[in-house]
Amino acid sequence: MRIRPLRREELADYLALRVQLWPEGGDEAEEVEALLRDPQAMAFVAEAEGRLVGFVEVSLRPYAEGCETRPVGYLEGWYVLPSWRRRGVGRALVEAAEAWARAKGCREMASDAALANLLGQEAHRHLGYEEVERIVCFRKPL
């Protein structure tokens, strides 16, 4: 298994993985193209047996709940195919994201997981992340 930055020519395979994490997403291709152009963001992929088996998207944010330093490295999303879980793929992806953030001057990482995503919460804890806050978000049409 190898961790490396996403390459533009594998966008279709990447989008097929990404929709597994965010099935309700909008224009995924446009979002990923913007990510690839953004110097404040990066996507890493895990490649094994000639195919993509996981990814992580990381960015720099000016603030994140519970963090005391600026900027903050932020795990925007990470996903590993079920058949590749519990084999160190997620850890390797997150470590690549953390190294990228460290190289950008970050001293803290942050992330989030939906309240119902117990598997994601446990994965974060397993990698040393601590829960700092729970929120409920609201909206109102105008």
C-alpha atoms as a PDB file:
ATOM      1  CA  MET A   1       0.000   0.000   0.000  1.00  0.00           C
ATOM      2  CA  ARG A   2       1.257   3.462  -0.902  1.00  0.00           C
ATOM      3  CA  ILE A   3       0.068   6.903   0.263  1.00  0.00           C
ATOM      4  CA  ARG A   4       0.525   9.745  -2.205  1.00  0.00           C
ATOM      5  CA  PRO A   5      -1.119  12.960  -3.421  1.00  0.00           C
ATOM      6  CA  LEU A   6      -4.131  12.638  -5.698  1.00  0.00           C
ATOM      7  CA  ARG A   7      -3.353  12.927  -9.420  1.00  0.00           C
ATOM      8  CA  ARG A   8      -5.755  14.724 -11.744  1.00  0.00           C
ATOM      9  CA  GLU A   9      -5.809  11.805 -14.212  1.00  0.00           C
ATOM     10  CA  GLU A  10      -7.405   9.505 -11.610  1.00  0.00           C
ATOM     11  CA  LEU A  11     -10.288  11.851 -10.866  1.00  0.00           C
ATOM     12  CA  ALA A  12     -12.993   9.352 -11.926  1.00  0.00           C
ATOM     13  CA  ASP A  13     -11.694   6.661  -9.557  1.00  0.00           C
ATOM     14  CA  TYR A  14     -11.331   9.230  -6.785  1.00  0.00           C
ATOM     15  CA  LEU A  15     -14.894  10.481  -7.242  1.00  0.00           C
ATOM     16  CA  ALA A  16     -16.185   6.906  -7.021  1.00  0.00           C
ATOM     17  CA  LEU A  17     -14.543   6.628  -3.590  1.00  0.00           C
ATOM     18  CA  ARG A  18     -15.595  10.106  -2.486  1.00  0.00           C
ATOM     19  CA  VAL A  19     -19.289   9.468  -3.143  1.00  0.00           C
ATOM     20  CA  GLN A  20     -19.092   6.576  -0.664  1.00  0.00           C
ATOM     21  CA  LEU A  21     -18.312   9.093   2.085  1.00  0.00           C
ATOM     22  CA  TRP A  22     -20.593  11.886   0.859  1.00  0.00           C
ATOM     23  CA  PRO A  23     -23.458  10.254  -1.113  1.00  0.00           C
ATOM     24  CA  GLU A  24     -25.565  13.422  -0.910  1.00  0.00           C
ATOM     25  CA  GLY A  25     -22.802  15.573  -2.427  1.00  0.00           C
ATOM     26  CA  GLY A  26     -23.365  18.090  -5.185  1.00  0.00           C
ATOM     27  CA  ASP A  27     -20.960  18.681  -8.053  1.00  0.00           C
ATOM     28  CA  GLU A  28     -18.175  16.485  -6.745  1.00  0.00           C
ATOM     29  CA  ALA A  29     -15.917  16.926  -9.784  1.00  0.00           C
ATOM     30  CA  GLU A  30     -16.004  20.711  -9.442  1.00  0.00           C
ATOM     31  CA  GLU A  31     -15.257  20.481  -5.705  1.00  0.00           C
ATOM     32  CA  VAL A  32     -12.255  18.235  -6.282  1.00  0.00           C
ATOM     33  CA  GLU A  33     -10.935  20.440  -9.103  1.00  0.00           C
ATOM     34  CA  ALA A  34     -11.123  23.410  -6.706  1.00  0.00           C
ATOM     35  CA  LEU A  35      -9.330  21.379  -4.039  1.00  0.00           C
ATOM     36  CA  LEU A  36      -6.539  20.506  -6.483  1.00  0.00           C
ATOM     37  CA  ARG A  37      -6.033  24.221  -7.264  1.00  0.00           C
ATOM     38  CA  ASP A  38      -6.115  25.356  -3.624  1.00  0.00           C
ATOM     39  CA  PRO A  39      -2.684  25.766  -1.975  1.00  0.00           C
ATOM     40  CA  GLN A  40      -4.454  25.599   1.397  1.00  0.00           C
ATOM     41  CA  ALA A  41      -5.804  22.089   0.767  1.00  0.00           C
ATOM     42  CA  MET A  42      -4.573  18.652  -0.256  1.00  0.00           C
ATOM     43  CA  ALA A  43      -5.979  15.237  -1.089  1.00  0.00           C
ATOM     44  CA  PHE A  44      -3.992  12.077  -0.439  1.00  0.00           C
ATOM     45  CA  VAL A  45      -4.930   8.632  -1.700  1.00  0.00           C
ATOM     46  CA  ALA A  46      -4.063   5.119  -0.607  1.00  0.00           C
ATOM     47  CA  GLU A  47      -3.197   2.894  -3.537  1.00  0.00           C
ATOM     48  CA  ALA A  48      -3.000  -0.882  -3.233  1.00  0.00           C
ATOM     49  CA  GLU A  49      -3.146  -3.701  -5.740  1.00  0.00           C
ATOM     50  CA  GLY A  50      -3.328  -1.167  -8.566  1.00  0.00           C
ATOM     51  CA  ARG A  51      -6.388   0.707  -7.330  1.00  0.00           C
ATOM     52  CA  LEU A  52      -7.436   3.433  -4.912  1.00  0.00           C
ATOM     53  CA  VAL A  53      -8.595   2.023  -1.579  1.00  0.00           C
ATOM     54  CA  GLY A  54      -8.913   5.193   0.499  1.00  0.00           C
ATOM     55  CA  PHE A  55      -8.441   8.942   0.659  1.00  0.00           C
ATOM     56  CA  VAL A  56      -8.123  11.880   2.993  1.00  0.00           C
ATOM     57  CA  GLU A  57      -8.820  15.548   2.289  1.00  0.00           C
ATOM     58  CA  VAL A  58      -7.055  18.059   4.513  1.00  0.00           C
ATOM     59  CA  SER A  59      -7.110  21.853   4.609  1.00  0.00           C
ATOM     60  CA  LEU A  60      -5.878  24.791   6.613  1.00  0.00           C
ATOM     61  CA  ARG A  61      -8.522  26.614   8.613  1.00  0.00           C
ATOM     62  CA  PRO A  62      -8.160  29.853  10.541  1.00  0.00           C
ATOM     63  CA  TYR A  63     -10.039  28.343  13.494  1.00  0.00           C
ATOM     64  CA  ALA A  64     -11.377  25.028  14.750  1.00  0.00           C
ATOM     65  CA  GLU A  65     -13.330  24.233  17.910  1.00  0.00           C
ATOM     66  CA  GLY A  66     -11.055  23.438  20.839  1.00  0.00           C
ATOM     67  CA  CYS A  67      -7.845  24.563  19.114  1.00  0.00           C
ATOM     68  CA  GLU A  68      -5.588  27.284  20.472  1.00  0.00           C
ATOM     69  CA  THR A  69      -3.203  27.882  17.559  1.00  0.00           C
ATOM     70  CA  ARG A  70      -3.602  29.250  14.042  1.00  0.00           C
ATOM     71  CA  PRO A  71      -3.784  27.971  11.366  1.00  0.00           C
ATOM     72  CA  VAL A  72      -5.280  24.587  12.132  1.00  0.00           C
ATOM     73  CA  GLY A  73      -4.900  21.513   9.961  1.00  0.00           C
ATOM     74  CA  TYR A  74      -8.382  20.118   9.368  1.00  0.00           C
ATOM     75  CA  LEU A  75      -9.382  16.639   8.251  1.00  0.00           C
ATOM     76  CA  GLU A  76     -12.219  17.547   5.908  1.00  0.00           C
ATOM     77  CA  GLY A  77     -12.973  13.909   5.219  1.00  0.00           C
ATOM     78  CA  TRP A  78     -11.365  10.490   5.086  1.00  0.00           C
ATOM     79  CA  TYR A  79     -12.592   7.191   3.822  1.00  0.00           C
ATOM     80  CA  VAL A  80     -11.242   3.672   3.427  1.00  0.00           C
ATOM     81  CA  LEU A  81     -12.991   0.891   1.521  1.00  0.00           C
ATOM     82  CA  PRO A  82     -14.559  -1.537   4.029  1.00  0.00           C
ATOM     83  CA  SER A  83     -12.397  -4.425   2.795  1.00  0.00           C
ATOM     84  CA  TRP A  84      -9.260  -2.389   3.571  1.00  0.00           C
ATOM     85  CA  ARG A  85     -10.226  -1.177   7.055  1.00  0.00           C
ATOM     86  CA  ARG A  86      -8.300  -2.236  10.173  1.00  0.00           C
ATOM     87  CA  ARG A  87      -5.167  -2.690   8.077  1.00  0.00           C
ATOM     88  CA  GLY A  88      -3.472   0.642   8.825  1.00  0.00           C
ATOM     89  CA  VAL A  89      -4.743   2.446   5.734  1.00  0.00           C
ATOM     90  CA  GLY A  90      -6.712   5.092   7.630  1.00  0.00           C
ATOM     91  CA  ARG A  91      -3.838   5.725  10.014  1.00  0.00           C
ATOM     92  CA  ALA A  92      -1.387   6.120   7.116  1.00  0.00           C
ATOM     93  CA  LEU A  93      -3.716   8.557   5.348  1.00  0.00           C
ATOM     94  CA  VAL A  94      -4.235  10.664   8.467  1.00  0.00           C
ATOM     95  CA  GLU A  95      -0.501  10.666   9.197  1.00  0.00           C
ATOM     96  CA  ALA A  96       0.129  11.983   5.662  1.00  0.00           C
ATOM     97  CA  ALA A  97      -2.437  14.739   6.257  1.00  0.00           C
ATOM     98  CA  GLU A  98      -0.847  15.595   9.600  1.00  0.00           C
ATOM     99  CA  ALA A  99       2.637  15.759   8.043  1.00  0.00           C
ATOM    100  CA  TRP A 100       1.304  18.089   5.334  1.00  0.00           C
ATOM    101  CA  ALA A 101      -0.317  20.347   7.954  1.00  0.00           C
ATOM    102  CA  ARG A 102       2.853  20.334  10.057  1.00  0.00           C
ATOM    103  CA  ALA A 103       4.868  21.415   6.992  1.00  0.00           C
ATOM    104  CA  LYS A 104       2.377  24.279   6.530  1.00  0.00           C
ATOM    105  CA  GLY A 105       3.092  25.525  10.065  1.00  0.00           C
ATOM    106  CA  CYS A 106       0.238  23.900  11.972  1.00  0.00           C
ATOM    107  CA  ARG A 107       0.687  22.756  15.547  1.00  0.00           C
ATOM    108  CA  GLU A 108      -2.807  21.282  15.916  1.00  0.00           C
ATOM    109  CA  MET A 109      -5.157  19.139  13.848  1.00  0.00           C
ATOM    110  CA  ALA A 110      -8.921  19.069  14.071  1.00  0.00           C
ATOM    111  CA  SER A 111     -11.762  17.161  12.499  1.00  0.00           C
ATOM    112  CA  ASP A 112     -15.432  16.411  12.929  1.00  0.00           C
ATOM    113  CA  ALA A 113     -17.800  13.479  12.708  1.00  0.00           C
ATOM    114  CA  ALA A 114     -21.573  13.381  12.598  1.00  0.00           C
ATOM    115  CA  LEU A 115     -23.233  12.501  15.911  1.00  0.00           C
ATOM    116  CA  ALA A 116     -24.612   9.309  14.352  1.00  0.00           C
ATOM    117  CA  ASN A 117     -21.241   8.298  12.871  1.00  0.00           C
ATOM    118  CA  LEU A 118     -20.022   6.186  15.776  1.00  0.00           C
ATOM    119  CA  LEU A 119     -17.495   4.333  13.603  1.00  0.00           C
ATOM    120  CA  GLY A 120     -15.937   7.643  12.549  1.00  0.00           C
ATOM    121  CA  GLN A 121     -15.825   8.885  16.138  1.00  0.00           C
ATOM    122  CA  GLU A 122     -14.079   5.712  17.268  1.00  0.00           C
ATOM    123  CA  ALA A 123     -11.585   5.941  14.396  1.00  0.00           C
ATOM    124  CA  HIS A 124     -10.697   9.491  15.458  1.00  0.00           C
ATOM    125  CA  ARG A 125     -10.188   8.443  19.084  1.00  0.00           C
ATOM    126  CA  HIS A 126      -8.070   5.487  17.976  1.00  0.00           C
ATOM    127  CA  LEU A 127      -5.729   7.924  16.197  1.00  0.00           C
ATOM    128  CA  GLY A 128      -5.346  10.156  19.249  1.00  0.00           C
ATOM    129  CA  TYR A 129      -8.013  12.775  18.561  1.00  0.00           C
ATOM    130  CA  GLU A 130     -10.042  13.922  21.557  1.00  0.00           C
ATOM    131  CA  GLU A 131     -13.617  15.096  21.497  1.00  0.00           C
ATOM    132  CA  VAL A 132     -13.854  18.795  22.313  1.00  0.00           C
ATOM    133  CA  GLU A 133     -17.441  19.749  21.518  1.00  0.00           C
ATOM    134  CA  ARG A 134     -20.833  18.533  20.289  1.00  0.00           C
ATOM    135  CA  ILE A 135     -23.051  20.834  18.298  1.00  0.00           C
ATOM    136  CA  VAL A 136     -26.422  20.772  16.626  1.00  0.00           C
ATOM    137  CA  CYS A 137     -26.649  22.898  13.483  1.00  0.00           C
ATOM    138  CA  PHE A 138     -29.796  24.740  12.416  1.00  0.00           C
ATOM    139  CA  ARG A 139     -31.054  26.417   9.256  1.00  0.00           C
ATOM    140  CA  LYS A 140     -33.978  28.598   8.281  1.00  0.00           C
ATOM    141  CA  PRO A 141     -35.045  29.449   4.734  1.00  0.00           C
ATOM    142  CA  LEU A 142     -35.449  33.158   4.021  1.00  0.00           C
END
